[in-house]
Amino acid sequence: MTNAYILDWAMDGYGQLKMDLNEGQFQYEEESGTNHIRVSVSLDKLENFVSIVQKHLSAPCNYVDIQFPDEGITVIIFSQKIFKITNSEQNNQAKQWAIGQGLPVEQANWGISYHTQ
């Protein structure tokens, strides 16, 4: 199951990104018709994935989100900050921070995996 979605326009050094993912032993697939990548990330490899993604993000407001639905966690990776979201308050804080960094409001629409009850 892939749980991280990387948009090609959000990254620099896209070829190197794929090499780094291979080196980190992450399984991924390129989306048909685009250069976007879907990656399988386990919680135990999260730190490694974060370090790979952060060095390739092309702007402070670009991000990659990872969904861990079984654990009720969404992780949002920005070049300078990481959010581990488990509730709506943390989600709102992440959105406000991202919008403050220049992310258009309509793009602060990542999925959520936390339990809303």
N, C-alpha and C. Protein backbone atom coordinates (compact mmCIF):
# COMPACT_ATOMS: atom_id res chain seq x y z
N MET A 1 0.84 -1.19 0.00
CA MET A 1 0.00 0.00 0.00
C MET A 1 0.88 1.25 0.00
N THR A 2 0.61 2.16 -0.89
CA THR A 2 1.33 3.43 -0.89
C THR A 2 0.58 4.41 -0.01
N ASN A 3 1.31 5.17 0.78
CA ASN A 3 0.67 6.12 1.68
C ASN A 3 1.27 7.52 1.62
N ALA A 4 2.23 7.73 0.72
CA ALA A 4 2.81 9.06 0.51
C ALA A 4 2.71 9.39 -0.97
N TYR A 5 2.39 10.63 -1.26
CA TYR A 5 2.20 11.08 -2.64
C TYR A 5 3.11 12.27 -2.89
N ILE A 6 4.02 12.12 -3.85
CA ILE A 6 4.99 13.17 -4.16
C ILE A 6 4.69 13.74 -5.54
N LEU A 7 4.38 15.03 -5.57
CA LEU A 7 4.12 15.72 -6.83
C LEU A 7 5.45 16.16 -7.43
N ASP A 8 5.65 15.87 -8.70
CA ASP A 8 6.95 16.18 -9.32
C ASP A 8 7.28 17.66 -9.30
N TRP A 9 6.29 18.54 -9.42
CA TRP A 9 6.57 19.98 -9.45
C TRP A 9 6.98 20.52 -8.08
N ALA A 10 6.78 19.73 -7.02
CA ALA A 10 7.14 20.18 -5.68
C ALA A 10 8.58 19.86 -5.33
N MET A 11 9.28 19.20 -6.25
CA MET A 11 10.62 18.71 -5.95
C MET A 11 11.67 19.27 -6.89
N ASP A 12 12.89 19.39 -6.37
CA ASP A 12 14.09 19.65 -7.18
C ASP A 12 14.84 18.32 -7.29
N GLY A 13 15.61 18.17 -8.34
CA GLY A 13 16.43 16.98 -8.47
C GLY A 13 15.62 15.70 -8.47
N TYR A 14 14.61 15.66 -9.32
CA TYR A 14 13.66 14.56 -9.32
C TYR A 14 14.33 13.21 -9.58
N GLY A 15 15.28 13.17 -10.49
CA GLY A 15 16.01 11.93 -10.75
C GLY A 15 16.78 11.48 -9.52
N GLN A 16 17.42 12.43 -8.82
CA GLN A 16 18.16 12.11 -7.60
C GLN A 16 17.20 11.65 -6.50
N LEU A 17 16.01 12.25 -6.45
CA LEU A 17 15.01 11.81 -5.47
C LEU A 17 14.71 10.33 -5.64
N LYS A 18 14.49 9.91 -6.87
CA LYS A 18 14.18 8.50 -7.12
C LYS A 18 15.37 7.61 -6.76
N MET A 19 16.58 8.08 -7.03
CA MET A 19 17.78 7.32 -6.64
C MET A 19 17.87 7.20 -5.12
N ASP A 20 17.57 8.31 -4.43
CA ASP A 20 17.61 8.30 -2.96
C ASP A 20 16.54 7.36 -2.40
N LEU A 21 15.36 7.35 -2.99
CA LEU A 21 14.31 6.44 -2.55
C LEU A 21 14.74 4.99 -2.75
N ASN A 22 15.36 4.71 -3.88
CA ASN A 22 15.86 3.35 -4.13
C ASN A 22 16.92 2.98 -3.10
N GLU A 23 17.84 3.88 -2.85
CA GLU A 23 18.92 3.62 -1.89
C GLU A 23 18.35 3.39 -0.48
N GLY A 24 17.29 4.12 -0.15
CA GLY A 24 16.65 3.96 1.15
C GLY A 24 15.71 2.76 1.22
N GLN A 25 15.65 2.02 0.11
CA GLN A 25 14.83 0.82 -0.02
C GLN A 25 13.34 1.11 0.16
N PHE A 26 12.90 2.23 -0.39
CA PHE A 26 11.48 2.56 -0.41
C PHE A 26 10.88 2.05 -1.70
N GLN A 27 9.75 1.38 -1.60
CA GLN A 27 9.05 0.95 -2.79
C GLN A 27 8.16 2.09 -3.26
N TYR A 28 8.22 2.36 -4.56
CA TYR A 28 7.40 3.43 -5.10
C TYR A 28 6.96 3.08 -6.51
N GLU A 29 5.96 3.81 -6.96
CA GLU A 29 5.47 3.66 -8.33
C GLU A 29 5.18 5.04 -8.89
N GLU A 30 5.51 5.21 -10.16
CA GLU A 30 5.20 6.48 -10.82
C GLU A 30 3.77 6.42 -11.31
N GLU A 31 3.07 7.50 -11.13
CA GLU A 31 1.68 7.57 -11.54
C GLU A 31 1.60 7.63 -13.07
N SER A 32 0.74 6.87 -13.63
CA SER A 32 0.57 6.82 -15.08
C SER A 32 0.16 8.19 -15.62
N GLY A 33 0.84 8.65 -16.66
CA GLY A 33 0.51 9.91 -17.30
C GLY A 33 1.14 11.13 -16.64
N THR A 34 1.83 10.94 -15.50
CA THR A 34 2.50 12.04 -14.82
C THR A 34 3.85 11.53 -14.32
N ASN A 35 4.60 12.39 -13.70
CA ASN A 35 5.84 11.98 -13.03
C ASN A 35 5.66 11.96 -11.51
N HIS A 36 4.41 12.02 -11.05
CA HIS A 36 4.16 11.95 -9.62
C HIS A 36 4.49 10.54 -9.13
N ILE A 37 4.88 10.46 -7.86
CA ILE A 37 5.29 9.19 -7.28
C ILE A 37 4.45 8.87 -6.05
N ARG A 38 4.06 7.63 -5.95
CA ARG A 38 3.39 7.11 -4.75
C ARG A 38 4.38 6.18 -4.06
N VAL A 39 4.59 6.40 -2.77
CA VAL A 39 5.62 5.69 -2.02
C VAL A 39 4.99 4.96 -0.83
N SER A 40 5.52 3.78 -0.54
CA SER A 40 5.14 3.05 0.67
C SER A 40 6.13 3.41 1.77
N VAL A 41 5.60 3.99 2.86
CA VAL A 41 6.44 4.42 3.97
C VAL A 41 5.88 3.79 5.25
N SER A 42 6.72 3.07 5.97
CA SER A 42 6.32 2.53 7.26
C SER A 42 6.78 3.50 8.36
N LEU A 43 6.13 3.45 9.50
CA LEU A 43 6.50 4.35 10.60
C LEU A 43 7.96 4.17 11.01
N ASP A 44 8.47 2.95 10.95
CA ASP A 44 9.85 2.73 11.36
C ASP A 44 10.87 3.31 10.38
N LYS A 45 10.44 3.65 9.16
CA LYS A 45 11.34 4.27 8.18
C LYS A 45 11.00 5.75 7.95
N LEU A 46 10.15 6.30 8.81
CA LEU A 46 9.69 7.67 8.62
C LEU A 46 10.84 8.68 8.64
N GLU A 47 11.74 8.58 9.61
CA GLU A 47 12.84 9.56 9.69
C GLU A 47 13.71 9.55 8.44
N ASN A 48 13.98 8.39 7.91
CA ASN A 48 14.78 8.28 6.69
C ASN A 48 14.03 8.92 5.52
N PHE A 49 12.74 8.66 5.41
CA PHE A 49 11.94 9.23 4.34
C PHE A 49 11.91 10.76 4.45
N VAL A 50 11.72 11.26 5.67
CA VAL A 50 11.69 12.71 5.89
C VAL A 50 12.99 13.35 5.42
N SER A 51 14.12 12.76 5.77
CA SER A 51 15.41 13.35 5.38
C SER A 51 15.59 13.36 3.87
N ILE A 52 15.10 12.33 3.19
CA ILE A 52 15.18 12.30 1.73
C ILE A 52 14.30 13.38 1.14
N VAL A 53 13.06 13.46 1.56
CA VAL A 53 12.10 14.41 0.99
C VAL A 53 12.52 15.85 1.26
N GLN A 54 12.93 16.14 2.49
CA GLN A 54 13.25 17.53 2.83
C GLN A 54 14.36 18.12 1.97
N LYS A 55 15.33 17.32 1.58
CA LYS A 55 16.41 17.89 0.77
C LYS A 55 16.00 18.11 -0.68
N HIS A 56 14.83 17.61 -1.08
CA HIS A 56 14.40 17.76 -2.47
C HIS A 56 13.21 18.71 -2.65
N LEU A 57 12.56 19.13 -1.57
CA LEU A 57 11.43 20.05 -1.72
C LEU A 57 11.92 21.36 -2.32
N SER A 58 11.19 21.86 -3.31
CA SER A 58 11.66 23.00 -4.09
C SER A 58 11.26 24.37 -3.55
N ALA A 59 10.39 24.43 -2.56
CA ALA A 59 9.96 25.72 -1.99
C ALA A 59 9.51 25.49 -0.55
N PRO A 60 9.62 26.51 0.30
CA PRO A 60 9.25 26.34 1.71
C PRO A 60 7.80 25.90 1.92
N CYS A 61 6.90 26.26 1.02
CA CYS A 61 5.50 25.89 1.22
C CYS A 61 5.12 24.59 0.49
N ASN A 62 6.04 23.98 -0.24
CA ASN A 62 5.75 22.67 -0.85
C ASN A 62 5.83 21.61 0.24
N TYR A 63 5.04 20.56 0.08
CA TYR A 63 5.00 19.54 1.11
C TYR A 63 4.69 18.16 0.52
N VAL A 64 4.95 17.15 1.33
CA VAL A 64 4.54 15.78 1.05
C VAL A 64 3.78 15.31 2.28
N ASP A 65 2.63 14.70 2.06
CA ASP A 65 1.90 14.16 3.20
C ASP A 65 1.94 12.64 3.17
N ILE A 66 1.94 12.06 4.36
CA ILE A 66 1.94 10.62 4.52
C ILE A 66 0.77 10.25 5.43
N GLN A 67 0.02 9.27 5.01
CA GLN A 67 -1.13 8.82 5.78
C GLN A 67 -0.83 7.49 6.46
N PHE A 68 -1.08 7.42 7.74
CA PHE A 68 -0.99 6.18 8.51
C PHE A 68 -2.36 5.93 9.14
N PRO A 69 -3.32 5.47 8.35
CA PRO A 69 -4.69 5.34 8.85
C PRO A 69 -4.84 4.37 10.02
N ASP A 70 -4.10 3.27 10.03
CA ASP A 70 -4.22 2.32 11.13
C ASP A 70 -3.77 2.92 12.46
N GLU A 71 -2.80 3.82 12.39
CA GLU A 71 -2.28 4.46 13.59
C GLU A 71 -2.98 5.78 13.90
N GLY A 72 -3.81 6.28 12.97
CA GLY A 72 -4.51 7.55 13.17
C GLY A 72 -3.59 8.74 13.10
N ILE A 73 -2.58 8.68 12.21
CA ILE A 73 -1.58 9.75 12.10
C ILE A 73 -1.46 10.22 10.64
N THR A 74 -1.38 11.52 10.48
CA THR A 74 -1.00 12.13 9.21
C THR A 74 0.30 12.87 9.46
N VAL A 75 1.28 12.70 8.58
CA VAL A 75 2.54 13.41 8.70
C VAL A 75 2.67 14.34 7.49
N ILE A 76 2.94 15.60 7.75
CA ILE A 76 3.14 16.59 6.68
C ILE A 76 4.60 17.02 6.76
N ILE A 77 5.30 16.87 5.63
CA ILE A 77 6.73 17.21 5.57
C ILE A 77 6.91 18.47 4.73
N PHE A 78 7.45 19.50 5.36
CA PHE A 78 7.89 20.72 4.68
C PHE A 78 9.41 20.74 4.75
N SER A 79 10.05 21.61 4.00
CA SER A 79 11.51 21.63 4.01
C SER A 79 12.08 22.02 5.38
N GLN A 80 11.36 22.84 6.14
CA GLN A 80 11.86 23.32 7.42
C GLN A 80 11.08 22.82 8.63
N LYS A 81 10.03 22.03 8.39
CA LYS A 81 9.17 21.65 9.52
C LYS A 81 8.43 20.37 9.19
N ILE A 82 8.16 19.59 10.23
CA ILE A 82 7.39 18.36 10.10
C ILE A 82 6.24 18.42 11.09
N PHE A 83 5.07 18.04 10.64
CA PHE A 83 3.91 17.97 11.52
C PHE A 83 3.45 16.53 11.61
N LYS A 84 3.30 16.01 12.83
CA LYS A 84 2.66 14.72 13.07
C LYS A 84 1.30 15.04 13.65
N ILE A 85 0.28 14.77 12.87
CA ILE A 85 -1.07 15.22 13.18
C ILE A 85 -1.92 14.05 13.65
N THR A 86 -2.50 14.22 14.84
CA THR A 86 -3.37 13.17 15.39
C THR A 86 -4.75 13.71 15.78
N ASN A 87 -4.96 15.03 15.58
CA ASN A 87 -6.27 15.60 15.91
C ASN A 87 -6.50 16.88 15.09
N SER A 88 -7.73 17.38 15.15
CA SER A 88 -8.10 18.53 14.32
C SER A 88 -7.37 19.80 14.74
N GLU A 89 -7.06 19.97 16.03
CA GLU A 89 -6.32 21.16 16.46
C GLU A 89 -4.93 21.19 15.83
N GLN A 90 -4.23 20.06 15.85
CA GLN A 90 -2.90 19.98 15.23
C GLN A 90 -3.00 20.20 13.73
N ASN A 91 -4.05 19.69 13.12
CA ASN A 91 -4.26 19.88 11.68
C ASN A 91 -4.44 21.36 11.36
N ASN A 92 -5.25 22.05 12.16
CA ASN A 92 -5.46 23.48 11.94
C ASN A 92 -4.17 24.27 12.13
N GLN A 93 -3.37 23.90 13.13
CA GLN A 93 -2.08 24.57 13.35
C GLN A 93 -1.16 24.38 12.15
N ALA A 94 -1.13 23.17 11.61
CA ALA A 94 -0.29 22.89 10.44
C ALA A 94 -0.75 23.71 9.25
N LYS A 95 -2.04 23.78 9.04
CA LYS A 95 -2.57 24.55 7.91
C LYS A 95 -2.24 26.04 8.06
N GLN A 96 -2.41 26.58 9.26
CA GLN A 96 -2.11 28.00 9.48
C GLN A 96 -0.62 28.27 9.25
N TRP A 97 0.24 27.38 9.72
CA TRP A 97 1.67 27.56 9.50
C TRP A 97 1.99 27.54 8.01
N ALA A 98 1.43 26.57 7.29
CA ALA A 98 1.70 26.42 5.86
C ALA A 98 1.20 27.64 5.08
N ILE A 99 0.03 28.11 5.41
CA ILE A 99 -0.52 29.29 4.73
C ILE A 99 0.37 30.51 5.03
N GLY A 100 0.88 30.60 6.25
CA GLY A 100 1.81 31.66 6.61
C GLY A 100 3.12 31.60 5.85
N GLN A 101 3.48 30.41 5.36
CA GLN A 101 4.70 30.23 4.56
C GLN A 101 4.46 30.52 3.08
N GLY A 102 3.20 30.78 2.71
CA GLY A 102 2.89 31.11 1.33
C GLY A 102 2.07 30.07 0.59
N LEU A 103 1.69 29.00 1.26
CA LEU A 103 0.85 27.99 0.61
C LEU A 103 -0.55 28.56 0.40
N PRO A 104 -1.06 28.53 -0.83
CA PRO A 104 -2.43 29.00 -1.05
C PRO A 104 -3.42 28.19 -0.20
N VAL A 105 -4.42 28.86 0.32
CA VAL A 105 -5.40 28.23 1.20
C VAL A 105 -5.97 26.96 0.58
N GLU A 106 -6.30 27.01 -0.71
CA GLU A 106 -6.91 25.85 -1.37
C GLU A 106 -5.96 24.66 -1.49
N GLN A 107 -4.67 24.87 -1.31
CA GLN A 107 -3.71 23.77 -1.38
C GLN A 107 -3.41 23.17 0.00
N ALA A 108 -3.96 23.75 1.04
CA ALA A 108 -3.80 23.20 2.39
C ALA A 108 -4.92 22.20 2.63
N ASN A 109 -5.01 21.24 1.73
CA ASN A 109 -6.13 20.30 1.74
C ASN A 109 -5.68 18.84 1.81
N TRP A 110 -4.59 18.57 2.53
CA TRP A 110 -4.11 17.21 2.63
C TRP A 110 -5.15 16.34 3.31
N GLY A 111 -5.05 15.06 3.05
CA GLY A 111 -5.94 14.10 3.69
C GLY A 111 -5.65 14.00 5.18
N ILE A 112 -6.56 13.41 5.89
CA ILE A 112 -6.35 13.20 7.31
C ILE A 112 -6.54 11.73 7.64
N SER A 113 -5.74 11.24 8.55
CA SER A 113 -5.86 9.86 8.99
C SER A 113 -6.18 9.77 10.48
N TYR A 114 -6.25 10.92 11.15
CA TYR A 114 -6.56 10.87 12.57
C TYR A 114 -8.05 10.57 12.74
N HIS A 115 -8.37 10.06 13.90
CA HIS A 115 -9.75 9.70 14.20
C HIS A 115 -10.48 10.93 14.69
N THR A 116 -11.61 11.22 14.09
CA THR A 116 -12.33 12.46 14.40
C THR A 116 -13.26 12.30 15.60
N GLN A 117 -13.40 11.15 16.15
CA GLN A 117 -14.27 10.95 17.31
C GLN A 117 -13.54 11.25 18.59
